[in-house]
Amino acid sequence: MKIGKNEILFATVLALIITSYVSFITTWVNIGFGKQFLFIWLRGWSIAFVLVAFSILFLAPIVRKKIYS
């Protein structure tokens, strides 16, 4: 499976958008806006971003193939 520049850009942008707001909201709901909010949110976001970006990059073609074939 060849992964081109467009696929990498798509996975990066989509992961950035989704993980930013989902991790922000879940951090806010769980701990509220306190002194440590930014640190805790960025830590959670960075972990989620890596996981989601690779998931989109490698799983999306497999799922797309299963759905459309």
PDB file of N, CA and C in Angstrom:
ATOM      1  N   MET A   1       0.842  -1.172   0.000  1.00  0.00           N
ATOM      2  CA  MET A   1       0.000   0.000   0.000  1.00  0.00           C
ATOM      3  C   MET A   1       0.890   1.239   0.000  1.00  0.00           C
ATOM      4  N   LYS A   2       0.732   2.071  -1.019  1.00  0.00           N
ATOM      5  CA  LYS A   2       1.509   3.292  -1.136  1.00  0.00           C
ATOM      6  C   LYS A   2       0.748   4.443  -0.494  1.00  0.00           C
ATOM      7  N   ILE A   3       1.451   5.180   0.349  1.00  0.00           N
ATOM      8  CA  ILE A   3       0.837   6.330   1.015  1.00  0.00           C
ATOM      9  C   ILE A   3       1.485   7.587   0.457  1.00  0.00           C
ATOM     10  N   GLY A   4       0.661   8.412  -0.177  1.00  0.00           N
ATOM     11  CA  GLY A   4       1.156   9.627  -0.803  1.00  0.00           C
ATOM     12  C   GLY A   4       1.051  10.847   0.088  1.00  0.00           C
ATOM     13  N   LYS A   5       1.510  11.973  -0.451  1.00  0.00           N
ATOM     14  CA  LYS A   5       1.493  13.232   0.297  1.00  0.00           C
ATOM     15  C   LYS A   5       0.074  13.654   0.666  1.00  0.00           C
ATOM     16  N   ASN A   6      -0.869  13.451  -0.242  1.00  0.00           N
ATOM     17  CA  ASN A   6      -2.253  13.846   0.037  1.00  0.00           C
ATOM     18  C   ASN A   6      -2.842  13.051   1.194  1.00  0.00           C
ATOM     19  N   GLU A   7      -2.553  11.766   1.247  1.00  0.00           N
ATOM     20  CA  GLU A   7      -3.060  10.937   2.346  1.00  0.00           C
ATOM     21  C   GLU A   7      -2.453  11.362   3.680  1.00  0.00           C
ATOM     22  N   ILE A   8      -1.161  11.685   3.669  1.00  0.00           N
ATOM     23  CA  ILE A   8      -0.496  12.127   4.901  1.00  0.00           C
ATOM     24  C   ILE A   8      -1.073  13.462   5.358  1.00  0.00           C
ATOM     25  N   LEU A   9      -1.269  14.383   4.430  1.00  0.00           N
ATOM     26  CA  LEU A   9      -1.837  15.686   4.771  1.00  0.00           C
ATOM     27  C   LEU A   9      -3.264  15.534   5.297  1.00  0.00           C
ATOM     28  N   PHE A  10      -4.068  14.708   4.626  1.00  0.00           N
ATOM     29  CA  PHE A  10      -5.442  14.468   5.069  1.00  0.00           C
ATOM     30  C   PHE A  10      -5.466  13.894   6.484  1.00  0.00           C
ATOM     31  N   ALA A  11      -4.667  12.874   6.751  1.00  0.00           N
ATOM     32  CA  ALA A  11      -4.634  12.245   8.076  1.00  0.00           C
ATOM     33  C   ALA A  11      -4.182  13.227   9.142  1.00  0.00           C
ATOM     34  N   THR A  12      -3.198  14.043   8.818  1.00  0.00           N
ATOM     35  CA  THR A  12      -2.672  15.011   9.787  1.00  0.00           C
ATOM     36  C   THR A  12      -3.708  16.074  10.131  1.00  0.00           C
ATOM     37  N   VAL A  13      -4.324  16.657   9.118  1.00  0.00           N
ATOM     38  CA  VAL A  13      -5.303  17.720   9.358  1.00  0.00           C
ATOM     39  C   VAL A  13      -6.535  17.178  10.077  1.00  0.00           C
ATOM     40  N   LEU A  14      -7.039  16.043   9.624  1.00  0.00           N
ATOM     41  CA  LEU A  14      -8.213  15.458  10.271  1.00  0.00           C
ATOM     42  C   LEU A  14      -7.915  15.090  11.725  1.00  0.00           C
ATOM     43  N   ALA A  15      -6.782  14.488  11.970  1.00  0.00           N
ATOM     44  CA  ALA A  15      -6.407  14.121  13.343  1.00  0.00           C
ATOM     45  C   ALA A  15      -6.230  15.361  14.205  1.00  0.00           C
ATOM     46  N   LEU A  16      -5.649  16.408  13.654  1.00  0.00           N
ATOM     47  CA  LEU A  16      -5.446  17.651  14.398  1.00  0.00           C
ATOM     48  C   LEU A  16      -6.785  18.255  14.822  1.00  0.00           C
ATOM     49  N   ILE A  17      -7.718  18.323  13.893  1.00  0.00           N
ATOM     50  CA  ILE A  17      -9.024  18.922  14.184  1.00  0.00           C
ATOM     51  C   ILE A  17      -9.806  18.082  15.198  1.00  0.00           C
ATOM     52  N   ILE A  18      -9.933  16.803  14.929  1.00  0.00           N
ATOM     53  CA  ILE A  18     -10.747  15.945  15.791  1.00  0.00           C
ATOM     54  C   ILE A  18     -10.165  15.816  17.191  1.00  0.00           C
ATOM     55  N   THR A  19      -8.881  15.518  17.278  1.00  0.00           N
ATOM     56  CA  THR A  19      -8.286  15.319  18.602  1.00  0.00           C
ATOM     57  C   THR A  19      -8.245  16.600  19.416  1.00  0.00           C
ATOM     58  N   SER A  20      -8.130  17.749  18.748  1.00  0.00           N
ATOM     59  CA  SER A  20      -8.101  19.023  19.483  1.00  0.00           C
ATOM     60  C   SER A  20      -9.396  19.255  20.242  1.00  0.00           C
ATOM     61  N   TYR A  21     -10.518  19.189  19.527  1.00  0.00           N
ATOM     62  CA  TYR A  21     -11.754  19.514  20.235  1.00  0.00           C
ATOM     63  C   TYR A  21     -12.242  18.384  21.133  1.00  0.00           C
ATOM     64  N   VAL A  22     -12.028  17.135  20.749  1.00  0.00           N
ATOM     65  CA  VAL A  22     -12.477  16.037  21.610  1.00  0.00           C
ATOM     66  C   VAL A  22     -11.670  16.011  22.907  1.00  0.00           C
ATOM     67  N   SER A  23     -10.356  16.139  22.820  1.00  0.00           N
ATOM     68  CA  SER A  23      -9.541  16.115  24.035  1.00  0.00           C
ATOM     69  C   SER A  23      -9.792  17.357  24.886  1.00  0.00           C
ATOM     70  N   PHE A  24     -10.025  18.506  24.247  1.00  0.00           N
ATOM     71  CA  PHE A  24     -10.330  19.729  24.998  1.00  0.00           C
ATOM     72  C   PHE A  24     -11.605  19.558  25.815  1.00  0.00           C
ATOM     73  N   ILE A  25     -12.649  19.084  25.165  1.00  0.00           N
ATOM     74  CA  ILE A  25     -13.940  18.930  25.848  1.00  0.00           C
ATOM     75  C   ILE A  25     -13.873  17.878  26.946  1.00  0.00           C
ATOM     76  N   THR A  26     -13.246  16.734  26.669  1.00  0.00           N
ATOM     77  CA  THR A  26     -13.183  15.697  27.702  1.00  0.00           C
ATOM     78  C   THR A  26     -12.308  16.127  28.882  1.00  0.00           C
ATOM     79  N   THR A  27     -11.252  16.868  28.618  1.00  0.00           N
ATOM     80  CA  THR A  27     -10.423  17.379  29.718  1.00  0.00           C
ATOM     81  C   THR A  27     -11.206  18.389  30.534  1.00  0.00           C
ATOM     82  N   TRP A  28     -11.915  19.278  29.869  1.00  0.00           N
ATOM     83  CA  TRP A  28     -12.714  20.284  30.559  1.00  0.00           C
ATOM     84  C   TRP A  28     -13.805  19.641  31.412  1.00  0.00           C
ATOM     85  N   VAL A  29     -14.491  18.635  30.870  1.00  0.00           N
ATOM     86  CA  VAL A  29     -15.556  17.956  31.603  1.00  0.00           C
ATOM     87  C   VAL A  29     -14.982  17.230  32.822  1.00  0.00           C
ATOM     88  N   ASN A  30     -13.830  16.610  32.656  1.00  0.00           N
ATOM     89  CA  ASN A  30     -13.259  15.800  33.737  1.00  0.00           C
ATOM     90  C   ASN A  30     -12.564  16.601  34.828  1.00  0.00           C
ATOM     91  N   ILE A  31     -11.856  17.680  34.475  1.00  0.00           N
ATOM     92  CA  ILE A  31     -11.110  18.412  35.509  1.00  0.00           C
ATOM     93  C   ILE A  31     -11.484  19.878  35.631  1.00  0.00           C
ATOM     94  N   GLY A  32     -12.237  20.408  34.673  1.00  0.00           N
ATOM     95  CA  GLY A  32     -12.579  21.825  34.692  1.00  0.00           C
ATOM     96  C   GLY A  32     -11.386  22.681  34.302  1.00  0.00           C
ATOM     97  N   PHE A  33     -11.602  23.995  34.299  1.00  0.00           N
ATOM     98  CA  PHE A  33     -10.519  24.920  33.958  1.00  0.00           C
ATOM     99  C   PHE A  33      -9.765  25.290  35.230  1.00  0.00           C
ATOM    100  N   GLY A  34      -8.711  24.587  35.508  1.00  0.00           N
ATOM    101  CA  GLY A  34      -7.876  24.886  36.663  1.00  0.00           C
ATOM    102  C   GLY A  34      -6.487  25.308  36.212  1.00  0.00           C
ATOM    103  N   LYS A  35      -5.591  25.390  37.177  1.00  0.00           N
ATOM    104  CA  LYS A  35      -4.225  25.800  36.883  1.00  0.00           C
ATOM    105  C   LYS A  35      -3.516  24.830  35.938  1.00  0.00           C
ATOM    106  N   GLN A  36      -3.813  23.563  36.061  1.00  0.00           N
ATOM    107  CA  GLN A  36      -3.123  22.533  35.277  1.00  0.00           C
ATOM    108  C   GLN A  36      -3.843  22.172  33.977  1.00  0.00           C
ATOM    109  N   PHE A  37      -4.944  22.862  33.663  1.00  0.00           N
ATOM    110  CA  PHE A  37      -5.746  22.480  32.507  1.00  0.00           C
ATOM    111  C   PHE A  37      -4.931  22.411  31.229  1.00  0.00           C
ATOM    112  N   LEU A  38      -4.195  23.454  30.910  1.00  0.00           N
ATOM    113  CA  LEU A  38      -3.467  23.511  29.651  1.00  0.00           C
ATOM    114  C   LEU A  38      -2.448  22.374  29.544  1.00  0.00           C
ATOM    115  N   PHE A  39      -1.696  22.142  30.596  1.00  0.00           N
ATOM    116  CA  PHE A  39      -0.701  21.068  30.591  1.00  0.00           C
ATOM    117  C   PHE A  39      -1.365  19.703  30.403  1.00  0.00           C
ATOM    118  N   ILE A  40      -2.428  19.442  31.155  1.00  0.00           N
ATOM    119  CA  ILE A  40      -3.117  18.149  31.075  1.00  0.00           C
ATOM    120  C   ILE A  40      -3.762  17.969  29.702  1.00  0.00           C
ATOM    121  N   TRP A  41      -4.381  19.030  29.185  1.00  0.00           N
ATOM    122  CA  TRP A  41      -5.009  18.952  27.869  1.00  0.00           C
ATOM    123  C   TRP A  41      -3.977  18.700  26.776  1.00  0.00           C
ATOM    124  N   LEU A  42      -2.881  19.427  26.773  1.00  0.00           N
ATOM    125  CA  LEU A  42      -1.861  19.244  25.742  1.00  0.00           C
ATOM    126  C   LEU A  42      -1.208  17.868  25.824  1.00  0.00           C
ATOM    127  N   ARG A  43      -1.050  17.363  27.018  1.00  0.00           N
ATOM    128  CA  ARG A  43      -0.484  16.021  27.178  1.00  0.00           C
ATOM    129  C   ARG A  43      -1.440  14.983  26.590  1.00  0.00           C
ATOM    130  N   GLY A  44      -2.707  15.068  26.944  1.00  0.00           N
ATOM    131  CA  GLY A  44      -3.709  14.146  26.407  1.00  0.00           C
ATOM    132  C   GLY A  44      -3.868  14.294  24.907  1.00  0.00           C
ATOM    133  N   TRP A  45      -3.853  15.550  24.424  1.00  0.00           N
ATOM    134  CA  TRP A  45      -3.995  15.798  22.995  1.00  0.00           C
ATOM    135  C   TRP A  45      -2.827  15.204  22.215  1.00  0.00           C
ATOM    136  N   SER A  46      -1.614  15.365  22.699  1.00  0.00           N
ATOM    137  CA  SER A  46      -0.452  14.859  21.951  1.00  0.00           C
ATOM    138  C   SER A  46      -0.486  13.341  21.818  1.00  0.00           C
ATOM    139  N   ILE A  47      -0.912  12.663  22.847  1.00  0.00           N
ATOM    140  CA  ILE A  47      -1.026  11.199  22.781  1.00  0.00           C
ATOM    141  C   ILE A  47      -2.144  10.822  21.799  1.00  0.00           C
ATOM    142  N   ALA A  48      -3.286  11.479  21.922  1.00  0.00           N
ATOM    143  CA  ALA A  48      -4.414  11.182  21.031  1.00  0.00           C
ATOM    144  C   ALA A  48      -4.073  11.489  19.577  1.00  0.00           C
ATOM    145  N   PHE A  49      -3.368  12.585  19.339  1.00  0.00           N
ATOM    146  CA  PHE A  49      -3.030  12.975  17.974  1.00  0.00           C
ATOM    147  C   PHE A  49      -2.199  11.905  17.276  1.00  0.00           C
ATOM    148  N   VAL A  50      -1.186  11.405  17.944  1.00  0.00           N
ATOM    149  CA  VAL A  50      -0.327  10.376  17.349  1.00  0.00           C
ATOM    150  C   VAL A  50      -1.132   9.116  17.041  1.00  0.00           C
ATOM    151  N   LEU A  51      -1.948   8.689  17.992  1.00  0.00           N
ATOM    152  CA  LEU A  51      -2.741   7.479  17.791  1.00  0.00           C
ATOM    153  C   LEU A  51      -3.754   7.639  16.656  1.00  0.00           C
ATOM    154  N   VAL A  52      -4.443   8.756  16.628  1.00  0.00           N
ATOM    155  CA  VAL A  52      -5.477   8.968  15.626  1.00  0.00           C
ATOM    156  C   VAL A  52      -4.874   9.189  14.237  1.00  0.00           C
ATOM    157  N   ALA A  53      -3.787   9.927  14.145  1.00  0.00           N
ATOM    158  CA  ALA A  53      -3.162  10.171  12.840  1.00  0.00           C
ATOM    159  C   ALA A  53      -2.726   8.859  12.199  1.00  0.00           C
ATOM    160  N   PHE A  54      -2.061   8.017  12.965  1.00  0.00           N
ATOM    161  CA  PHE A  54      -1.644   6.730  12.416  1.00  0.00           C
ATOM    162  C   PHE A  54      -2.839   5.825  12.112  1.00  0.00           C
ATOM    163  N   SER A  55      -3.863   5.902  12.927  1.00  0.00           N
ATOM    164  CA  SER A  55      -5.067   5.109  12.669  1.00  0.00           C
ATOM    165  C   SER A  55      -5.728   5.528  11.364  1.00  0.00           C
ATOM    166  N   ILE A  56      -5.864   6.829  11.163  1.00  0.00           N
ATOM    167  CA  ILE A  56      -6.463   7.310   9.915  1.00  0.00           C
ATOM    168  C   ILE A  56      -5.598   6.917   8.736  1.00  0.00           C
ATOM    169  N   LEU A  57      -4.314   7.085   8.882  1.00  0.00           N
ATOM    170  CA  LEU A  57      -3.387   6.821   7.780  1.00  0.00           C
ATOM    171  C   LEU A  57      -3.386   5.363   7.355  1.00  0.00           C
ATOM    172  N   PHE A  58      -3.420   4.453   8.315  1.00  0.00           N
ATOM    173  CA  PHE A  58      -3.286   3.041   7.989  1.00  0.00           C
ATOM    174  C   PHE A  58      -4.602   2.266   7.975  1.00  0.00           C
ATOM    175  N   LEU A  59      -5.579   2.692   8.738  1.00  0.00           N
ATOM    176  CA  LEU A  59      -6.838   1.965   8.775  1.00  0.00           C
ATOM    177  C   LEU A  59      -7.856   2.452   7.757  1.00  0.00           C
ATOM    178  N   ALA A  60      -7.822   3.726   7.424  1.00  0.00           N
ATOM    179  CA  ALA A  60      -8.790   4.262   6.463  1.00  0.00           C
ATOM    180  C   ALA A  60      -8.754   3.541   5.120  1.00  0.00           C
ATOM    181  N   PRO A  61      -7.577   3.263   4.540  1.00  0.00           N
ATOM    182  CA  PRO A  61      -7.574   2.540   3.267  1.00  0.00           C
ATOM    183  C   PRO A  61      -8.167   1.128   3.376  1.00  0.00           C
ATOM    184  N   ILE A  62      -7.945   0.473   4.489  1.00  0.00           N
ATOM    185  CA  ILE A  62      -8.481  -0.874   4.693  1.00  0.00           C
ATOM    186  C   ILE A  62     -10.003  -0.820   4.800  1.00  0.00           C
ATOM    187  N   VAL A  63     -10.501   0.101   5.584  1.00  0.00           N
ATOM    188  CA  VAL A  63     -11.945   0.246   5.748  1.00  0.00           C
ATOM    189  C   VAL A  63     -12.586   0.669   4.433  1.00  0.00           C
ATOM    190  N   ARG A  64     -11.964   1.615   3.738  1.00  0.00           N
ATOM    191  CA  ARG A  64     -12.484   2.075   2.449  1.00  0.00           C
ATOM    192  C   ARG A  64     -12.570   0.921   1.456  1.00  0.00           C
ATOM    193  N   LYS A  65     -11.558   0.080   1.438  1.00  0.00           N
ATOM    194  CA  LYS A  65     -11.539  -1.070   0.531  1.00  0.00           C
ATOM    195  C   LYS A  65     -12.648  -2.067   0.872  1.00  0.00           C
ATOM    196  N   LYS A  66     -12.858  -2.307   2.165  1.00  0.00           N
ATOM    197  CA  LYS A  66     -13.915  -3.230   2.593  1.00  0.00           C
ATOM    198  C   LYS A  66     -15.303  -2.694   2.246  1.00  0.00           C
ATOM    199  N   ILE A  67     -15.488  -1.397   2.405  1.00  0.00           N
ATOM    200  CA  ILE A  67     -16.801  -0.808   2.162  1.00  0.00           C
ATOM    201  C   ILE A  67     -17.120  -0.747   0.678  1.00  0.00           C
ATOM    202  N   TYR A  68     -16.155  -0.357  -0.126  1.00  0.00           N
ATOM    203  CA  TYR A  68     -16.423  -0.110  -1.539  1.00  0.00           C
ATOM    204  C   TYR A  68     -16.125  -1.278  -2.460  1.00  0.00           C
ATOM    205  N   SER A  69     -15.757  -2.415  -1.914  1.00  0.00           N
ATOM    206  CA  SER A  69     -15.504  -3.564  -2.807  1.00  0.00           C
ATOM    207  C   SER A  69     -16.523  -4.659  -2.622  1.00  0.00           C
TER     208      SER A  69
END
